């Protein structure tokens, strides 16, 4: 029987994981942009990315795309509406 120490890592592993995670976020943002060609709710977007933690989704994906003007709200006057959806801002592509 072989037992592996799952908590063991080296600095090299950590650096590589960080670089891969950054790339992964960018790739996932691109996938999300393609997904939002039609209006999507926050929950639909999170399910598409297989995410469950709302704060992480907002910080890493939704807010940056909104701030850059890539995604826009369908109800900009009601940002907290349960009917809020997000769609690609065509002029910014």
Protein backbone atom coordinates (compact mmCIF):
# COMPACT_ATOMS: atom_id res chain seq x y z
CA UNK A 1 0.00 0.00 0.00
CA UNK A 2 1.30 3.43 -0.95
CA UNK A 3 0.13 6.46 1.00
CA UNK A 4 0.64 9.87 -0.54
CA UNK A 5 1.03 13.05 1.47
CA UNK A 6 -1.53 15.30 -0.20
CA UNK A 7 -0.34 18.34 1.79
CA UNK A 8 3.19 18.19 0.38
CA UNK A 9 4.19 20.77 -2.18
CA UNK A 10 7.31 22.55 -3.31
CA UNK A 11 7.81 26.20 -4.18
CA UNK A 12 8.02 25.16 -7.82
CA UNK A 13 4.64 23.44 -7.60
CA UNK A 14 3.11 26.50 -5.99
CA UNK A 15 4.52 28.87 -8.63
CA UNK A 16 3.36 26.64 -11.46
CA UNK A 17 -0.09 26.26 -9.94
CA UNK A 18 -0.40 30.03 -9.59
CA UNK A 19 0.56 30.61 -13.23
CA UNK A 20 -1.87 27.93 -14.35
CA UNK A 21 -4.64 29.37 -12.17
CA UNK A 22 -4.17 32.83 -13.71
CA UNK A 23 -4.34 31.36 -17.20
CA UNK A 24 -7.38 29.35 -16.20
CA UNK A 25 -9.21 32.46 -15.00
CA UNK A 26 -8.56 34.19 -18.33
CA UNK A 27 -9.69 31.15 -20.30
CA UNK A 28 -12.81 30.86 -18.20
CA UNK A 29 -13.58 34.56 -18.72
CA UNK A 30 -13.42 33.99 -22.48
CA UNK A 31 -15.78 31.03 -22.17
CA UNK A 32 -18.13 33.15 -20.09
CA UNK A 33 -18.12 35.91 -22.71
CA UNK A 34 -19.13 33.39 -25.39
CA UNK A 35 -21.81 31.99 -23.07
CA UNK A 36 -23.31 35.46 -22.51
CA UNK A 37 -24.08 36.17 -26.16
CA UNK A 38 -27.66 35.86 -24.93
CA UNK A 39 -28.68 37.34 -21.54
CA UNK A 40 -27.78 35.08 -18.61
CA UNK A 41 -28.45 35.27 -14.89
CA UNK A 42 -25.65 35.17 -12.34
CA UNK A 43 -26.72 31.68 -11.35
CA UNK A 44 -26.69 30.46 -14.96
CA UNK A 45 -23.19 31.85 -15.37
CA UNK A 46 -21.97 30.24 -12.15
CA UNK A 47 -23.47 26.90 -13.15
CA UNK A 48 -21.83 27.16 -16.56
CA UNK A 49 -18.42 27.63 -14.89
CA UNK A 50 -19.31 24.98 -12.28
CA UNK A 51 -18.83 27.46 -9.45
CA UNK A 52 -20.70 27.59 -6.17
CA UNK A 53 -18.98 30.40 -4.26
CA UNK A 54 -20.66 33.67 -5.19
CA UNK A 55 -17.95 36.06 -3.83
CA UNK A 56 -15.21 34.29 -5.80
CA UNK A 57 -17.33 34.38 -8.94
CA UNK A 58 -18.02 38.09 -8.55
CA UNK A 59 -14.40 39.06 -7.80
CA UNK A 60 -12.72 36.90 -10.45
CA UNK A 61 -15.26 36.88 -13.25
CA UNK A 62 -18.35 39.08 -13.12
CA UNK A 63 -16.95 42.36 -11.74
CA UNK A 64 -13.89 42.50 -14.05
CA UNK A 65 -16.05 41.89 -17.13
CA UNK A 66 -18.55 44.55 -16.01
CA UNK A 67 -15.79 47.07 -15.20
CA UNK A 68 -14.21 46.60 -18.63
CA UNK A 69 -17.60 47.05 -20.28
CA UNK A 70 -17.45 43.59 -21.85
CA UNK A 71 -20.65 42.54 -20.10
CA UNK A 72 -23.54 44.85 -19.32
CA UNK A 73 -26.58 44.50 -17.06
CA UNK A 74 -29.97 44.06 -18.67
CA UNK A 75 -31.48 46.09 -15.79
CA UNK A 76 -28.79 48.71 -15.05
CA UNK A 77 -31.16 50.77 -12.87
CA UNK A 78 -31.80 47.73 -10.65
CA UNK A 79 -28.42 46.03 -10.08
CA UNK A 80 -29.75 43.88 -7.22
CA UNK A 81 -32.91 42.71 -8.97
CA UNK A 82 -33.61 38.99 -8.90
CA UNK A 83 -34.38 39.38 -12.61
CA UNK A 84 -30.96 40.86 -13.40
CA UNK A 85 -29.16 39.28 -16.34
CA UNK A 86 -25.88 39.98 -18.06
CA UNK A 87 -25.13 40.07 -21.76
CA UNK A 88 -22.14 40.81 -23.98
CA UNK A 89 -21.81 44.49 -24.87
CA UNK A 90 -21.43 44.08 -28.64
CA UNK A 91 -19.66 47.43 -29.33
CA UNK A 92 -16.80 46.43 -26.97
CA UNK A 93 -15.92 43.24 -28.86
